[in-house]
Amino acid sequence: MSNILIINGAKKFAHSNGQLNDTLTEVAESYLRDAGHDVKSVRAESEYDVKEEVQNFLWADVVIWQMAGLVDGRSVDGEKIYG
């Protein structure tokens, strides 16, 4: 099956702790693993290692961006890290 990388763009702001994106990422991971795919997920807001993230992209056949829909449709952290 496919190697799938999920980028969890959960962001803490106002009253939200990013729980919806966390939950949607967990559901997607579970569903895709049950379907036989290899899945990795990273949280855009957490610390990261550039070399490791490059390797994640090279490993992945598919990349899923689980982000909150903001004004321009992109997560600020996702844009900062991967944009």
N, C-alpha and C. Protein backbone atom coordinates (compact mmCIF):
# COMPACT_ATOMS: atom_id res chain seq x y z
N MET A 1 0.83 -1.19 0.00
CA MET A 1 0.00 0.00 0.00
C MET A 1 0.88 1.26 0.00
N SER A 2 0.28 2.39 0.25
CA SER A 2 0.96 3.68 0.16
C SER A 2 1.57 4.12 1.48
N ASN A 3 2.61 4.94 1.37
CA ASN A 3 3.18 5.65 2.52
C ASN A 3 2.49 7.00 2.58
N ILE A 4 1.85 7.29 3.70
CA ILE A 4 1.06 8.52 3.82
C ILE A 4 1.57 9.36 4.98
N LEU A 5 1.87 10.62 4.68
CA LEU A 5 2.30 11.59 5.68
C LEU A 5 1.14 12.55 5.94
N ILE A 6 0.76 12.68 7.21
CA ILE A 6 -0.30 13.62 7.59
C ILE A 6 0.36 14.77 8.35
N ILE A 7 0.14 15.98 7.87
CA ILE A 7 0.64 17.17 8.55
C ILE A 7 -0.52 17.76 9.33
N ASN A 8 -0.42 17.68 10.65
CA ASN A 8 -1.47 18.16 11.54
C ASN A 8 -1.20 19.63 11.84
N GLY A 9 -2.04 20.49 11.31
CA GLY A 9 -1.86 21.93 11.49
C GLY A 9 -2.59 22.49 12.69
N ALA A 10 -2.88 21.65 13.69
CA ALA A 10 -3.58 22.13 14.89
C ALA A 10 -2.82 23.30 15.49
N LYS A 11 -3.56 24.32 15.85
CA LYS A 11 -2.95 25.53 16.42
C LYS A 11 -3.76 25.98 17.62
N LYS A 12 -3.05 26.31 18.69
CA LYS A 12 -3.71 26.82 19.89
C LYS A 12 -3.94 28.32 19.74
N PHE A 13 -5.19 28.74 19.87
CA PHE A 13 -5.52 30.16 19.87
C PHE A 13 -6.88 30.35 20.50
N ALA A 14 -7.08 31.51 21.10
CA ALA A 14 -8.34 31.85 21.78
C ALA A 14 -8.76 30.69 22.68
N HIS A 15 -9.96 30.17 22.49
CA HIS A 15 -10.48 29.09 23.33
C HIS A 15 -10.12 27.71 22.79
N SER A 16 -9.53 27.65 21.60
CA SER A 16 -9.26 26.37 20.94
C SER A 16 -7.86 25.87 21.27
N ASN A 17 -7.74 24.59 21.50
CA ASN A 17 -6.44 23.96 21.67
C ASN A 17 -6.05 23.15 20.44
N GLY A 18 -6.75 23.37 19.35
CA GLY A 18 -6.47 22.60 18.14
C GLY A 18 -7.05 21.20 18.19
N GLN A 19 -8.03 21.00 19.08
CA GLN A 19 -8.56 19.65 19.29
C GLN A 19 -9.26 19.07 18.07
N LEU A 20 -9.93 19.89 17.28
CA LEU A 20 -10.61 19.36 16.09
C LEU A 20 -9.59 18.79 15.11
N ASN A 21 -8.53 19.53 14.83
CA ASN A 21 -7.50 19.01 13.92
C ASN A 21 -6.81 17.78 14.50
N ASP A 22 -6.57 17.77 15.81
CA ASP A 22 -5.98 16.59 16.44
C ASP A 22 -6.88 15.38 16.25
N THR A 23 -8.18 15.56 16.50
CA THR A 23 -9.13 14.46 16.37
C THR A 23 -9.22 13.98 14.93
N LEU A 24 -9.33 14.90 13.98
CA LEU A 24 -9.41 14.51 12.57
C LEU A 24 -8.14 13.79 12.12
N THR A 25 -6.99 14.21 12.62
CA THR A 25 -5.74 13.53 12.29
C THR A 25 -5.74 12.12 12.85
N GLU A 26 -6.17 11.96 14.11
CA GLU A 26 -6.22 10.63 14.72
C GLU A 26 -7.17 9.70 13.97
N VAL A 27 -8.33 10.21 13.57
CA VAL A 27 -9.30 9.40 12.83
C VAL A 27 -8.71 8.97 11.48
N ALA A 28 -8.08 9.91 10.79
CA ALA A 28 -7.47 9.59 9.49
C ALA A 28 -6.36 8.56 9.65
N GLU A 29 -5.50 8.73 10.65
CA GLU A 29 -4.42 7.76 10.90
C GLU A 29 -4.98 6.37 11.13
N SER A 30 -5.96 6.26 11.99
CA SER A 30 -6.56 4.97 12.31
C SER A 30 -7.19 4.33 11.08
N TYR A 31 -7.97 5.10 10.35
CA TYR A 31 -8.65 4.59 9.16
C TYR A 31 -7.64 4.10 8.11
N LEU A 32 -6.62 4.91 7.87
CA LEU A 32 -5.64 4.57 6.84
C LEU A 32 -4.79 3.37 7.24
N ARG A 33 -4.42 3.28 8.52
CA ARG A 33 -3.67 2.10 8.99
C ARG A 33 -4.52 0.84 8.86
N ASP A 34 -5.79 0.94 9.25
CA ASP A 34 -6.69 -0.21 9.12
C ASP A 34 -6.85 -0.64 7.67
N ALA A 35 -6.70 0.30 6.74
CA ALA A 35 -6.81 0.00 5.31
C ALA A 35 -5.49 -0.54 4.74
N GLY A 36 -4.45 -0.64 5.59
CA GLY A 36 -3.20 -1.24 5.18
C GLY A 36 -2.10 -0.29 4.77
N HIS A 37 -2.29 1.00 4.97
CA HIS A 37 -1.28 1.98 4.60
C HIS A 37 -0.28 2.18 5.74
N ASP A 38 0.93 2.60 5.40
CA ASP A 38 1.90 3.04 6.40
C ASP A 38 1.70 4.53 6.59
N VAL A 39 1.55 4.97 7.84
CA VAL A 39 1.18 6.35 8.12
C VAL A 39 2.15 6.97 9.13
N LYS A 40 2.59 8.19 8.82
CA LYS A 40 3.33 9.02 9.77
C LYS A 40 2.56 10.32 9.90
N SER A 41 2.60 10.92 11.09
CA SER A 41 2.00 12.25 11.22
C SER A 41 2.96 13.15 11.98
N VAL A 42 2.92 14.42 11.62
CA VAL A 42 3.72 15.44 12.29
C VAL A 42 2.81 16.60 12.63
N ARG A 43 3.13 17.27 13.71
CA ARG A 43 2.34 18.43 14.12
C ARG A 43 3.13 19.69 13.77
N ALA A 44 2.57 20.52 12.91
CA ALA A 44 3.28 21.69 12.39
C ALA A 44 3.71 22.64 13.49
N GLU A 45 2.96 22.72 14.59
CA GLU A 45 3.26 23.67 15.66
C GLU A 45 4.40 23.21 16.57
N SER A 46 4.78 21.95 16.49
CA SER A 46 5.82 21.43 17.39
C SER A 46 7.22 21.67 16.81
N GLU A 47 8.22 21.44 17.65
CA GLU A 47 9.61 21.55 17.20
C GLU A 47 9.84 20.51 16.10
N TYR A 48 10.74 20.82 15.19
CA TYR A 48 11.00 19.89 14.10
C TYR A 48 12.46 19.96 13.68
N ASP A 49 12.90 18.90 13.00
CA ASP A 49 14.24 18.81 12.46
C ASP A 49 14.11 18.84 10.94
N VAL A 50 14.75 19.79 10.29
CA VAL A 50 14.60 19.99 8.85
C VAL A 50 14.95 18.72 8.08
N LYS A 51 16.07 18.08 8.41
CA LYS A 51 16.48 16.87 7.69
C LYS A 51 15.44 15.76 7.85
N GLU A 52 14.90 15.62 9.04
CA GLU A 52 13.87 14.60 9.28
C GLU A 52 12.61 14.88 8.47
N GLU A 53 12.22 16.15 8.40
CA GLU A 53 11.01 16.49 7.63
C GLU A 53 11.22 16.30 6.14
N VAL A 54 12.41 16.58 5.64
CA VAL A 54 12.71 16.30 4.23
C VAL A 54 12.59 14.81 3.98
N GLN A 55 13.12 13.99 4.89
CA GLN A 55 13.02 12.54 4.74
C GLN A 55 11.56 12.08 4.77
N ASN A 56 10.74 12.71 5.61
CA ASN A 56 9.31 12.37 5.64
C ASN A 56 8.67 12.61 4.28
N PHE A 57 8.98 13.73 3.64
CA PHE A 57 8.42 14.03 2.33
C PHE A 57 8.93 13.06 1.27
N LEU A 58 10.20 12.70 1.33
CA LEU A 58 10.75 11.74 0.37
C LEU A 58 10.13 10.36 0.56
N TRP A 59 9.83 9.98 1.80
CA TRP A 59 9.23 8.69 2.12
C TRP A 59 7.78 8.61 1.63
N ALA A 60 7.08 9.72 1.68
CA ALA A 60 5.63 9.73 1.44
C ALA A 60 5.27 9.61 -0.04
N ASP A 61 4.26 8.76 -0.29
CA ASP A 61 3.63 8.71 -1.60
C ASP A 61 2.50 9.73 -1.67
N VAL A 62 1.91 10.00 -0.50
CA VAL A 62 0.77 10.91 -0.39
C VAL A 62 0.99 11.80 0.83
N VAL A 63 0.68 13.10 0.70
CA VAL A 63 0.75 14.03 1.83
C VAL A 63 -0.64 14.61 2.05
N ILE A 64 -1.14 14.49 3.28
CA ILE A 64 -2.44 15.05 3.65
C ILE A 64 -2.17 16.22 4.59
N TRP A 65 -2.71 17.38 4.25
CA TRP A 65 -2.58 18.57 5.09
C TRP A 65 -3.88 18.74 5.86
N GLN A 66 -3.86 18.45 7.17
CA GLN A 66 -5.04 18.64 8.01
C GLN A 66 -4.88 19.98 8.71
N MET A 67 -5.47 21.01 8.12
CA MET A 67 -5.29 22.38 8.62
C MET A 67 -6.64 23.05 8.85
N ALA A 68 -6.64 23.99 9.76
CA ALA A 68 -7.83 24.82 9.95
C ALA A 68 -7.96 25.76 8.76
N GLY A 69 -9.17 26.05 8.37
CA GLY A 69 -9.38 26.99 7.27
C GLY A 69 -9.34 28.41 7.79
N LEU A 70 -8.29 29.12 7.50
CA LEU A 70 -8.16 30.51 7.93
C LEU A 70 -8.53 31.43 6.76
N VAL A 71 -8.32 32.71 6.90
CA VAL A 71 -8.77 33.68 5.90
C VAL A 71 -8.28 33.33 4.51
N ASP A 72 -7.00 33.02 4.36
CA ASP A 72 -6.47 32.70 3.04
C ASP A 72 -6.45 31.20 2.77
N GLY A 73 -7.07 30.42 3.65
CA GLY A 73 -7.17 28.98 3.45
C GLY A 73 -5.94 28.20 3.85
N ARG A 74 -4.95 28.86 4.47
CA ARG A 74 -3.74 28.16 4.89
C ARG A 74 -3.49 28.43 6.36
N SER A 75 -2.86 27.47 7.01
CA SER A 75 -2.46 27.63 8.40
C SER A 75 -1.18 28.46 8.45
N VAL A 76 -1.10 29.37 9.38
CA VAL A 76 0.09 30.20 9.52
C VAL A 76 1.31 29.32 9.77
N ASP A 77 1.22 28.36 10.69
CA ASP A 77 2.36 27.50 10.99
C ASP A 77 2.72 26.61 9.82
N GLY A 78 1.73 26.09 9.12
CA GLY A 78 2.01 25.26 7.95
C GLY A 78 2.74 26.04 6.89
N GLU A 79 2.36 27.29 6.71
CA GLU A 79 3.03 28.15 5.72
C GLU A 79 4.46 28.43 6.16
N LYS A 80 4.65 28.68 7.45
CA LYS A 80 5.98 29.01 7.97
C LYS A 80 6.92 27.82 7.81
N ILE A 81 6.44 26.63 8.11
CA ILE A 81 7.30 25.45 8.12
C ILE A 81 7.46 24.85 6.73
N TYR A 82 6.35 24.69 6.02
CA TYR A 82 6.39 23.94 4.77
C TYR A 82 6.18 24.79 3.53
N GLY A 83 5.84 26.09 3.70
CA GLY A 83 5.47 26.91 2.57
C GLY A 83 6.64 27.50 1.90
